[in-house]
Amino acid sequence: MTVFVDGYFEEPMQVVRLFGLKGVQHKPLGTKNARISQHYKASLSALFKQHPDARHAILVEEDLDVSPDFFHYFSQLAHLLDEDPTLYCVSAWNDHGYQHSAVNATLLYRVDTMPGLGWMLTKKLFKEELEMSWPTQDKMWDWDMWMRKPSVRRDRECVIPDVPRTYHFGASGLNMNSFFQDTYFRKRALNNQPDVQLRGIENMKAAKYERVVHTAVRNATVLDHNISPCEESFIPNVSGETFVLYMKMEHARDTVTWLQIAKEIQTGSGDPNRITSGIDNSEE
């Protein structure tokens, strides 16, 4: 485990030494968003140089709390990144992982984006693709938004848990304030169980996952679309049953309908691309 510090600050290095970890400092490059982006690139480059035999890396920011099974979670899924070229990353985060909706710590999904907030990538992806095309220090790109660009992600997906393995607690920063933290992160779930054995791991491979999803949709109960999503009776108050809601989107970035529905059924993210193939797998 290595702690990378953006700049020459003694206090974080003292904390690193207190825990007996390795700390690396480097000269900041760029300003604002570009500086953060360059910090990520420099950290990954240095990490794989220090550990030339490593096939994967897990990135965790300092404003994240982690679950008791954080490393166990990633260790169970690392091989998927080596075996399935349609996968981009494994993330500990679920944009739909609220306390009222994330209930199954063994359950996994694939999503059409790069969630971040505690995630794993392969050395192959970084060295052969990302490192050479990473935005330069004069580009005010958010590193994660850049990684989500279609030309960079190239239709690859990420594996995520139903119950998140990280919890965001930082309320201040370049792109964060107390209002956003309270609105978006405060009610998120965090797994508290140790050594959770994930199920359906091999079903996360593309072909198998498509079959699993299609079977779930085919066997699901279609919600009554004559009832408004604003009505409490729209989703029946039962457990252990799968329901389907259909909506029309004119294009991938058409969020008008989804934003309203997501708000009413309290399913979380306003970004429809943070789901799989047009399917939101949130459990209630």
C-alpha atoms as a PDB file:
ATOM      1  CA  MET A   1       0.000   0.000   0.000  1.00  0.00           C
ATOM      2  CA  THR A   2       1.438   3.352  -1.068  1.00  0.00           C
ATOM      3  CA  VAL A   3       0.158   6.832  -0.195  1.00  0.00           C
ATOM      4  CA  PHE A   4       0.762   9.451  -2.892  1.00  0.00           C
ATOM      5  CA  VAL A   5       0.871  13.080  -1.748  1.00  0.00           C
ATOM      6  CA  ASP A   6       0.430  15.898  -4.267  1.00  0.00           C
ATOM      7  CA  GLY A   7       3.069  18.333  -3.041  1.00  0.00           C
ATOM      8  CA  TYR A   8       5.667  18.442  -0.286  1.00  0.00           C
ATOM      9  CA  PHE A   9       3.646  18.448   2.927  1.00  0.00           C
ATOM     10  CA  GLU A  10       5.057  16.960   6.110  1.00  0.00           C
ATOM     11  CA  GLU A  11       1.796  16.377   8.011  1.00  0.00           C
ATOM     12  CA  PRO A  12       0.370  13.671   5.698  1.00  0.00           C
ATOM     13  CA  MET A  13       3.782  12.021   5.544  1.00  0.00           C
ATOM     14  CA  GLN A  14       3.835  11.849   9.351  1.00  0.00           C
ATOM     15  CA  VAL A  15       0.487  10.040   9.251  1.00  0.00           C
ATOM     16  CA  VAL A  16       1.846   7.667   6.611  1.00  0.00           C
ATOM     17  CA  ARG A  17       4.848   6.823   8.784  1.00  0.00           C
ATOM     18  CA  LEU A  18       2.605   6.413  11.835  1.00  0.00           C
ATOM     19  CA  PHE A  19       0.823   3.548  10.086  1.00  0.00           C
ATOM     20  CA  GLY A  20       4.024   2.059   8.727  1.00  0.00           C
ATOM     21  CA  LEU A  21       3.094   2.697   5.103  1.00  0.00           C
ATOM     22  CA  LYS A  22       5.107   3.920   2.161  1.00  0.00           C
ATOM     23  CA  GLY A  23       4.615   7.550   1.146  1.00  0.00           C
ATOM     24  CA  VAL A  24       5.568   9.233  -2.118  1.00  0.00           C
ATOM     25  CA  GLN A  25       5.568  12.997  -2.694  1.00  0.00           C
ATOM     26  CA  HIS A  26       5.823  14.686  -6.046  1.00  0.00           C
ATOM     27  CA  LYS A  27       5.854  18.200  -7.436  1.00  0.00           C
ATOM     28  CA  PRO A  28       2.361  19.456  -8.354  1.00  0.00           C
ATOM     29  CA  LEU A  29       1.683  20.072 -12.039  1.00  0.00           C
ATOM     30  CA  GLY A  30      -1.082  22.302 -13.392  1.00  0.00           C
ATOM     31  CA  THR A  31      -3.825  24.046 -11.442  1.00  0.00           C
ATOM     32  CA  LYS A  32      -7.294  23.145 -10.142  1.00  0.00           C
ATOM     33  CA  ASN A  33      -8.831  20.200 -12.044  1.00  0.00           C
ATOM     34  CA  ALA A  34      -5.698  19.746 -14.151  1.00  0.00           C
ATOM     35  CA  ARG A  35      -3.561  19.436 -11.018  1.00  0.00           C
ATOM     36  CA  ILE A  36      -5.800  16.687  -9.638  1.00  0.00           C
ATOM     37  CA  SER A  37      -5.717  14.907 -12.982  1.00  0.00           C
ATOM     38  CA  GLN A  38      -1.922  15.024 -13.117  1.00  0.00           C
ATOM     39  CA  HIS A  39      -1.742  13.704  -9.556  1.00  0.00           C
ATOM     40  CA  TYR A  40      -3.689  10.606 -10.576  1.00  0.00           C
ATOM     41  CA  LYS A  41      -1.524  10.001 -13.614  1.00  0.00           C
ATOM     42  CA  ALA A  42       1.732  10.498 -11.700  1.00  0.00           C
ATOM     43  CA  SER A  43       0.534   8.185  -8.929  1.00  0.00           C
ATOM     44  CA  LEU A  44      -0.419   5.378 -11.304  1.00  0.00           C
ATOM     45  CA  SER A  45       2.787   5.723 -13.313  1.00  0.00           C
ATOM     46  CA  ALA A  46       4.907   5.599 -10.157  1.00  0.00           C
ATOM     47  CA  LEU A  47       2.910   2.720  -8.689  1.00  0.00           C
ATOM     48  CA  PHE A  48       3.360   0.419 -11.671  1.00  0.00           C
ATOM     49  CA  LYS A  49       7.031   1.392 -11.898  1.00  0.00           C
ATOM     50  CA  GLN A  50       7.568   0.484  -8.242  1.00  0.00           C
ATOM     51  CA  HIS A  51       5.683  -2.784  -8.651  1.00  0.00           C
ATOM     52  CA  PRO A  52       6.506  -4.044 -12.162  1.00  0.00           C
ATOM     53  CA  ASP A  53       4.938  -7.452 -11.517  1.00  0.00           C
ATOM     54  CA  ALA A  54       1.592  -6.032 -10.390  1.00  0.00           C
ATOM     55  CA  ARG A  55      -1.288  -6.689 -12.794  1.00  0.00           C
ATOM     56  CA  HIS A  56      -3.840  -4.471 -11.024  1.00  0.00           C
ATOM     57  CA  ALA A  57      -4.056  -1.340  -8.904  1.00  0.00           C
ATOM     58  CA  ILE A  58      -6.752  -0.127  -6.507  1.00  0.00           C
ATOM     59  CA  LEU A  59      -7.221   3.628  -6.098  1.00  0.00           C
ATOM     60  CA  VAL A  60      -8.758   5.098  -2.939  1.00  0.00           C
ATOM     61  CA  GLU A  61      -9.050   8.807  -2.166  1.00  0.00           C
ATOM     62  CA  GLU A  62      -8.447  10.191   1.321  1.00  0.00           C
ATOM     63  CA  ASP A  63     -12.092  11.228   1.775  1.00  0.00           C
ATOM     64  CA  LEU A  64     -13.462   7.679   1.526  1.00  0.00           C
ATOM     65  CA  ASP A  65     -14.314   5.262   4.301  1.00  0.00           C
ATOM     66  CA  VAL A  66     -14.096   1.600   3.294  1.00  0.00           C
ATOM     67  CA  SER A  67     -16.016  -1.527   4.254  1.00  0.00           C
ATOM     68  CA  PRO A  68     -14.536  -4.390   6.334  1.00  0.00           C
ATOM     69  CA  ASP A  69     -14.427  -6.566   3.207  1.00  0.00           C
ATOM     70  CA  PHE A  70     -12.998  -3.876   0.900  1.00  0.00           C
ATOM     71  CA  PHE A  71      -9.911  -5.804  -0.216  1.00  0.00           C
ATOM     72  CA  HIS A  72     -11.704  -9.150  -0.099  1.00  0.00           C
ATOM     73  CA  TYR A  73     -14.292  -7.699  -2.491  1.00  0.00           C
ATOM     74  CA  PHE A  74     -11.648  -6.703  -5.040  1.00  0.00           C
ATOM     75  CA  SER A  75      -9.665  -9.929  -4.661  1.00  0.00           C
ATOM     76  CA  GLN A  76     -12.717 -11.946  -5.717  1.00  0.00           C
ATOM     77  CA  LEU A  77     -13.197  -9.889  -8.880  1.00  0.00           C
ATOM     78  CA  ALA A  78      -9.675  -9.107 -10.118  1.00  0.00           C
ATOM     79  CA  HIS A  79      -9.563 -12.066 -12.496  1.00  0.00           C
ATOM     80  CA  LEU A  80     -12.580 -10.747 -14.408  1.00  0.00           C
ATOM     81  CA  LEU A  81     -10.541  -7.792 -15.660  1.00  0.00           C
ATOM     82  CA  ASP A  82      -7.934 -10.196 -17.040  1.00  0.00           C
ATOM     83  CA  GLU A  83     -10.431 -12.531 -18.671  1.00  0.00           C
ATOM     84  CA  ASP A  84     -13.138 -10.228 -20.077  1.00  0.00           C
ATOM     85  CA  PRO A  85     -12.003  -7.544 -22.579  1.00  0.00           C
ATOM     86  CA  THR A  86     -15.427  -5.876 -22.353  1.00  0.00           C
ATOM     87  CA  LEU A  87     -14.675  -4.810 -18.769  1.00  0.00           C
ATOM     88  CA  TYR A  88     -13.096  -1.447 -17.973  1.00  0.00           C
ATOM     89  CA  CYS A  89     -12.827  -1.513 -14.185  1.00  0.00           C
ATOM     90  CA  VAL A  90     -14.172  -2.867 -10.922  1.00  0.00           C
ATOM     91  CA  SER A  91     -15.603  -0.236  -8.580  1.00  0.00           C
ATOM     92  CA  ALA A  92     -16.560  -0.310  -4.908  1.00  0.00           C
ATOM     93  CA  TRP A  93     -19.188   2.359  -5.544  1.00  0.00           C
ATOM     94  CA  ASN A  94     -22.836   2.134  -6.620  1.00  0.00           C
ATOM     95  CA  ASP A  95     -24.546   5.339  -7.751  1.00  0.00           C
ATOM     96  CA  HIS A  96     -27.864   3.750  -6.778  1.00  0.00           C
ATOM     97  CA  GLY A  97     -26.583   2.392  -3.473  1.00  0.00           C
ATOM     98  CA  TYR A  98     -28.791   4.232  -1.008  1.00  0.00           C
ATOM     99  CA  GLN A  99     -29.668   2.981   2.473  1.00  0.00           C
ATOM    100  CA  HIS A 100     -33.248   2.310   1.376  1.00  0.00           C
ATOM    101  CA  SER A 101     -32.359   0.500  -1.858  1.00  0.00           C
ATOM    102  CA  ALA A 102     -29.034  -1.342  -1.414  1.00  0.00           C
ATOM    103  CA  VAL A 103     -29.760  -4.516   0.543  1.00  0.00           C
ATOM    104  CA  ASN A 104     -27.795  -7.468  -0.863  1.00  0.00           C
ATOM    105  CA  ALA A 105     -24.072  -7.431  -0.073  1.00  0.00           C
ATOM    106  CA  THR A 106     -23.442 -10.493  -2.288  1.00  0.00           C
ATOM    107  CA  LEU A 107     -25.019  -9.021  -5.427  1.00  0.00           C
ATOM    108  CA  LEU A 108     -23.117  -7.537  -8.392  1.00  0.00           C
ATOM    109  CA  TYR A 109     -23.989  -5.531 -11.518  1.00  0.00           C
ATOM    110  CA  ARG A 110     -22.336  -4.248 -14.677  1.00  0.00           C
ATOM    111  CA  VAL A 111     -22.753  -0.553 -15.527  1.00  0.00           C
ATOM    112  CA  ASP A 112     -22.171   1.568 -18.643  1.00  0.00           C
ATOM    113  CA  THR A 113     -19.764   4.018 -17.003  1.00  0.00           C
ATOM    114  CA  MET A 114     -16.719   4.356 -14.731  1.00  0.00           C
ATOM    115  CA  PRO A 115     -18.030   5.001 -11.195  1.00  0.00           C
ATOM    116  CA  GLY A 116     -14.712   5.619  -9.413  1.00  0.00           C
ATOM    117  CA  LEU A 117     -14.771   6.234  -5.628  1.00  0.00           C
ATOM    118  CA  GLY A 118     -12.611   3.218  -4.854  1.00  0.00           C
ATOM    119  CA  TRP A 119     -11.841   1.284  -8.022  1.00  0.00           C
ATOM    120  CA  MET A 120      -9.482  -1.191  -9.644  1.00  0.00           C
ATOM    121  CA  LEU A 121      -7.940  -1.180 -13.111  1.00  0.00           C
ATOM    122  CA  THR A 122      -5.353  -3.302 -14.884  1.00  0.00           C
ATOM    123  CA  LYS A 123      -1.779  -2.355 -15.571  1.00  0.00           C
ATOM    124  CA  LYS A 124      -2.438  -3.298 -19.196  1.00  0.00           C
ATOM    125  CA  LEU A 125      -5.213  -0.702 -19.525  1.00  0.00           C
ATOM    126  CA  PHE A 126      -3.122   2.056 -17.995  1.00  0.00           C
ATOM    127  CA  LYS A 127       0.174   1.358 -19.760  1.00  0.00           C
ATOM    128  CA  GLU A 128      -1.242   0.543 -23.198  1.00  0.00           C
ATOM    129  CA  GLU A 129      -4.061   3.106 -23.374  1.00  0.00           C
ATOM    130  CA  LEU A 130      -4.561   5.639 -20.601  1.00  0.00           C
ATOM    131  CA  GLU A 131      -1.025   6.749 -19.772  1.00  0.00           C
ATOM    132  CA  MET A 132      -0.099   7.807 -23.285  1.00  0.00           C
ATOM    133  CA  SER A 133      -3.331   9.715 -23.931  1.00  0.00           C
ATOM    134  CA  TRP A 134      -3.914  11.192 -20.446  1.00  0.00           C
ATOM    135  CA  PRO A 135      -4.871  14.908 -20.606  1.00  0.00           C
ATOM    136  CA  THR A 136      -1.837  17.167 -20.292  1.00  0.00           C
ATOM    137  CA  GLN A 137      -1.446  19.697 -17.465  1.00  0.00           C
ATOM    138  CA  ASP A 138      -2.826  22.534 -19.593  1.00  0.00           C
ATOM    139  CA  LYS A 139      -6.164  20.710 -20.034  1.00  0.00           C
ATOM    140  CA  MET A 140      -8.779  21.476 -17.373  1.00  0.00           C
ATOM    141  CA  TRP A 141     -10.210  17.970 -17.570  1.00  0.00           C
ATOM    142  CA  ASP A 142     -11.593  16.123 -14.566  1.00  0.00           C
ATOM    143  CA  TRP A 143      -9.711  12.829 -14.797  1.00  0.00           C
ATOM    144  CA  ASP A 144     -12.824  10.723 -14.143  1.00  0.00           C
ATOM    145  CA  MET A 145     -14.932  12.586 -16.714  1.00  0.00           C
ATOM    146  CA  TRP A 146     -12.149  12.031 -19.224  1.00  0.00           C
ATOM    147  CA  MET A 147     -12.125   8.313 -18.458  1.00  0.00           C
ATOM    148  CA  ARG A 148     -15.884   8.236 -19.089  1.00  0.00           C
ATOM    149  CA  LYS A 149     -15.563   9.740 -22.556  1.00  0.00           C
ATOM    150  CA  PRO A 150     -16.882   7.295 -25.190  1.00  0.00           C
ATOM    151  CA  SER A 151     -13.618   7.538 -27.127  1.00  0.00           C
ATOM    152  CA  VAL A 152     -11.695   6.461 -24.008  1.00  0.00           C
ATOM    153  CA  ARG A 153     -14.080   3.956 -22.413  1.00  0.00           C
ATOM    154  CA  ARG A 154     -14.918   2.383 -25.796  1.00  0.00           C
ATOM    155  CA  ASP A 155     -18.178   0.713 -24.710  1.00  0.00           C
ATOM    156  CA  ARG A 156     -16.490  -1.201 -21.907  1.00  0.00           C
ATOM    157  CA  GLU A 157     -18.339  -1.590 -18.626  1.00  0.00           C
ATOM    158  CA  CYS A 158     -17.493  -1.769 -14.929  1.00  0.00           C
ATOM    159  CA  VAL A 159     -18.542  -4.217 -12.229  1.00  0.00           C
ATOM    160  CA  ILE A 160     -20.131  -2.700  -9.115  1.00  0.00           C
ATOM    161  CA  PRO A 161     -21.725  -4.031  -5.901  1.00  0.00           C
ATOM    162  CA  ASP A 162     -25.345  -3.641  -4.865  1.00  0.00           C
ATOM    163  CA  VAL A 163     -24.167  -2.442  -1.440  1.00  0.00           C
ATOM    164  CA  PRO A 164     -21.248   0.022  -1.780  1.00  0.00           C
ATOM    165  CA  ARG A 165     -17.852  -0.799  -0.291  1.00  0.00           C
ATOM    166  CA  THR A 166     -16.917   2.870   0.104  1.00  0.00           C
ATOM    167  CA  TYR A 167     -18.579   5.863   1.744  1.00  0.00           C
ATOM    168  CA  HIS A 168     -17.751   9.440   0.780  1.00  0.00           C
ATOM    169  CA  PHE A 169     -17.421  11.706   3.834  1.00  0.00           C
ATOM    170  CA  GLY A 170     -15.402  14.678   2.549  1.00  0.00           C
ATOM    171  CA  ALA A 171     -17.436  17.893   2.600  1.00  0.00           C
ATOM    172  CA  SER A 172     -14.869  20.321   1.195  1.00  0.00           C
ATOM    173  CA  GLY A 173     -12.621  20.389  -1.839  1.00  0.00           C
ATOM    174  CA  LEU A 174     -12.247  21.741  -5.350  1.00  0.00           C
ATOM    175  CA  ASN A 175     -15.391  19.965  -6.577  1.00  0.00           C
ATOM    176  CA  MET A 176     -17.150  19.400  -3.254  1.00  0.00           C
ATOM    177  CA  ASN A 177     -19.054  21.382  -0.629  1.00  0.00           C
ATOM    178  CA  SER A 178     -21.223  20.570   2.387  1.00  0.00           C
ATOM    179  CA  PHE A 179     -24.482  20.987   0.432  1.00  0.00           C
ATOM    180  CA  PHE A 180     -23.448  18.499  -2.259  1.00  0.00           C
ATOM    181  CA  GLN A 181     -22.116  16.078   0.348  1.00  0.00           C
ATOM    182  CA  ASP A 182     -25.371  16.216   2.308  1.00  0.00           C
ATOM    183  CA  THR A 183     -27.582  15.971  -0.781  1.00  0.00           C
ATOM    184  CA  TYR A 184     -25.755  13.301  -2.737  1.00  0.00           C
ATOM    185  CA  PHE A 185     -23.683  11.233  -0.301  1.00  0.00           C
ATOM    186  CA  ARG A 186     -25.107  11.362   3.233  1.00  0.00           C
ATOM    187  CA  LYS A 187     -27.776   8.660   2.800  1.00  0.00           C
ATOM    188  CA  ARG A 188     -25.537   6.197   0.990  1.00  0.00           C
ATOM    189  CA  ALA A 189     -25.170   2.646   2.222  1.00  0.00           C
ATOM    190  CA  LEU A 190     -21.869   1.063   3.275  1.00  0.00           C
ATOM    191  CA  ASN A 191     -21.432  -2.657   3.762  1.00  0.00           C
ATOM    192  CA  ASN A 192     -20.571  -3.542   7.378  1.00  0.00           C
ATOM    193  CA  GLN A 193     -20.178  -7.307   6.942  1.00  0.00           C
ATOM    194  CA  PRO A 194     -16.678  -8.859   6.875  1.00  0.00           C
ATOM    195  CA  ASP A 195     -15.553 -11.394   4.268  1.00  0.00           C
ATOM    196  CA  VAL A 196     -18.706 -11.347   2.153  1.00  0.00           C
ATOM    197  CA  GLN A 197     -18.680 -14.128  -0.437  1.00  0.00           C
ATOM    198  CA  LEU A 198     -19.933 -12.567  -3.655  1.00  0.00           C
ATOM    199  CA  ARG A 199     -22.312 -14.626  -5.770  1.00  0.00           C
ATOM    200  CA  GLY A 200     -22.662 -14.851  -9.520  1.00  0.00           C
ATOM    201  CA  ILE A 201     -19.103 -13.668 -10.148  1.00  0.00           C
ATOM    202  CA  GLU A 202     -18.754 -15.561 -13.425  1.00  0.00           C
ATOM    203  CA  ASN A 203     -22.105 -14.116 -14.523  1.00  0.00           C
ATOM    204  CA  MET A 204     -20.397 -10.725 -14.694  1.00  0.00           C
ATOM    205  CA  LYS A 205     -18.735 -11.763 -17.947  1.00  0.00           C
ATOM    206  CA  ALA A 206     -20.477 -10.075 -20.866  1.00  0.00           C
ATOM    207  CA  ALA A 207     -22.257 -12.977 -22.581  1.00  0.00           C
ATOM    208  CA  LYS A 208     -23.477 -14.541 -19.344  1.00  0.00           C
ATOM    209  CA  TYR A 209     -24.577 -11.202 -17.915  1.00  0.00           C
ATOM    210  CA  GLU A 210     -26.685 -10.437 -20.975  1.00  0.00           C
ATOM    211  CA  ARG A 211     -28.485 -13.756 -20.545  1.00  0.00           C
ATOM    212  CA  VAL A 212     -29.050 -13.146 -16.836  1.00  0.00           C
ATOM    213  CA  VAL A 213     -30.478  -9.673 -17.451  1.00  0.00           C
ATOM    214  CA  HIS A 214     -32.696 -10.790 -20.339  1.00  0.00           C
ATOM    215  CA  THR A 215     -34.057 -13.643 -18.233  1.00  0.00           C
ATOM    216  CA  ALA A 216     -34.785 -11.282 -15.340  1.00  0.00           C
ATOM    217  CA  VAL A 217     -36.645  -8.857 -17.618  1.00  0.00           C
ATOM    218  CA  ARG A 218     -38.547 -11.631 -19.374  1.00  0.00           C
ATOM    219  CA  ASN A 219     -39.748 -13.083 -16.061  1.00  0.00           C
ATOM    220  CA  ALA A 220     -40.455  -9.737 -14.392  1.00  0.00           C
ATOM    221  CA  THR A 221     -43.825  -8.175 -13.694  1.00  0.00           C
ATOM    222  CA  VAL A 222     -44.491  -5.106 -15.833  1.00  0.00           C
ATOM    223  CA  LEU A 223     -45.621  -2.164 -13.722  1.00  0.00           C
ATOM    224  CA  ASP A 224     -48.988  -0.609 -14.492  1.00  0.00           C
ATOM    225  CA  HIS A 225     -48.027   2.313 -16.733  1.00  0.00           C
ATOM    226  CA  ASN A 226     -51.517   3.777 -16.322  1.00  0.00           C
ATOM    227  CA  ILE A 227     -50.506   4.696 -12.785  1.00  0.00           C
ATOM    228  CA  SER A 228     -48.285   7.740 -12.384  1.00  0.00           C
ATOM    229  CA  PRO A 229     -44.816   7.127 -10.902  1.00  0.00           C
ATOM    230  CA  CYS A 230     -45.778   9.904  -8.472  1.00  0.00           C
ATOM    231  CA  GLU A 231     -48.357   7.598  -6.869  1.00  0.00           C
ATOM    232  CA  GLU A 232     -47.273   5.470  -3.913  1.00  0.00           C
ATOM    233  CA  SER A 233     -49.088   2.499  -5.447  1.00  0.00           C
ATOM    234  CA  PHE A 234     -46.975   2.630  -8.639  1.00  0.00           C
ATOM    235  CA  ILE A 235     -44.486   0.087  -7.232  1.00  0.00           C
ATOM    236  CA  PRO A 236     -46.271  -2.641  -5.208  1.00  0.00           C
ATOM    237  CA  ASN A 237     -45.145  -2.929  -1.598  1.00  0.00           C
ATOM    238  CA  VAL A 238     -43.823  -6.482  -1.849  1.00  0.00           C
ATOM    239  CA  SER A 239     -40.386  -8.038  -1.541  1.00  0.00           C
ATOM    240  CA  GLY A 240     -38.638 -10.730  -3.533  1.00  0.00           C
ATOM    241  CA  GLU A 241     -40.251  -9.794  -6.841  1.00  0.00           C
ATOM    242  CA  THR A 242     -38.785  -8.134  -9.938  1.00  0.00           C
ATOM    243  CA  PHE A 243     -40.644  -5.309 -11.670  1.00  0.00           C
ATOM    244  CA  VAL A 244     -40.116  -3.658 -15.050  1.00  0.00           C
ATOM    245  CA  LEU A 245     -40.720  -0.013 -15.961  1.00  0.00           C
ATOM    246  CA  TYR A 246     -40.353   1.083 -19.577  1.00  0.00           C
ATOM    247  CA  MET A 247     -39.576   4.618 -20.713  1.00  0.00           C
ATOM    248  CA  LYS A 248     -38.516   6.229 -23.963  1.00  0.00           C
ATOM    249  CA  MET A 249     -35.210   8.024 -24.482  1.00  0.00           C
ATOM    250  CA  GLU A 250     -34.495   9.862 -27.730  1.00  0.00           C
ATOM    251  CA  HIS A 251     -30.738   9.400 -27.302  1.00  0.00           C
ATOM    252  CA  ALA A 252     -28.169   8.330 -24.697  1.00  0.00           C
ATOM    253  CA  ARG A 253     -28.056  11.776 -23.062  1.00  0.00           C
ATOM    254  CA  ASP A 254     -31.821  12.278 -22.987  1.00  0.00           C
ATOM    255  CA  THR A 255     -32.399  12.509 -19.237  1.00  0.00           C
ATOM    256  CA  VAL A 256     -35.656  14.488 -19.118  1.00  0.00           C
ATOM    257  CA  THR A 257     -37.986  11.575 -18.374  1.00  0.00           C
ATOM    258  CA  TRP A 258     -35.454   9.624 -16.355  1.00  0.00           C
ATOM    259  CA  LEU A 259     -34.719  12.516 -13.976  1.00  0.00           C
ATOM    260  CA  GLN A 260     -38.390  12.783 -13.040  1.00  0.00           C
ATOM    261  CA  ILE A 261     -38.884   9.045 -12.641  1.00  0.00           C
ATOM    262  CA  ALA A 262     -35.662   8.584 -10.661  1.00  0.00           C
ATOM    263  CA  LYS A 263     -36.759  11.305  -8.258  1.00  0.00           C
ATOM    264  CA  GLU A 264     -40.197   9.784  -7.722  1.00  0.00           C
ATOM    265  CA  ILE A 265     -39.067   6.197  -7.194  1.00  0.00           C
ATOM    266  CA  GLN A 266     -35.964   7.304  -5.238  1.00  0.00           C
ATOM    267  CA  THR A 267     -33.554   5.278  -7.305  1.00  0.00           C
ATOM    268  CA  GLY A 268     -30.671   7.718  -7.100  1.00  0.00           C
ATOM    269  CA  SER A 269     -28.418   8.869  -9.913  1.00  0.00           C
ATOM    270  CA  GLY A 270     -29.753  11.272 -12.507  1.00  0.00           C
ATOM    271  CA  ASP A 271     -27.406   9.780 -15.089  1.00  0.00           C
ATOM    272  CA  PRO A 272     -29.098   6.992 -17.077  1.00  0.00           C
ATOM    273  CA  ASN A 273     -25.699   5.803 -18.302  1.00  0.00           C
ATOM    274  CA  ARG A 274     -24.837   4.611 -14.793  1.00  0.00           C
ATOM    275  CA  ILE A 275     -26.995   1.568 -15.468  1.00  0.00           C
ATOM    276  CA  THR A 276     -26.623  -1.453 -17.734  1.00  0.00           C
ATOM    277  CA  SER A 277     -27.930  -1.508 -21.302  1.00  0.00           C
ATOM    278  CA  GLY A 278     -30.817   0.793 -20.426  1.00  0.00           C
ATOM    279  CA  ILE A 279     -31.724  -1.284 -17.366  1.00  0.00           C
ATOM    280  CA  ASP A 280     -31.679   0.031 -13.800  1.00  0.00           C
ATOM    281  CA  ASN A 281     -31.100  -2.942 -11.503  1.00  0.00           C
ATOM    282  CA  SER A 282     -31.864  -1.174  -8.216  1.00  0.00           C
ATOM    283  CA  GLU A 283     -33.380  -3.403  -5.561  1.00  0.00           C
ATOM    284  CA  GLU A 284     -35.947  -2.261  -3.047  1.00  0.00           C
END
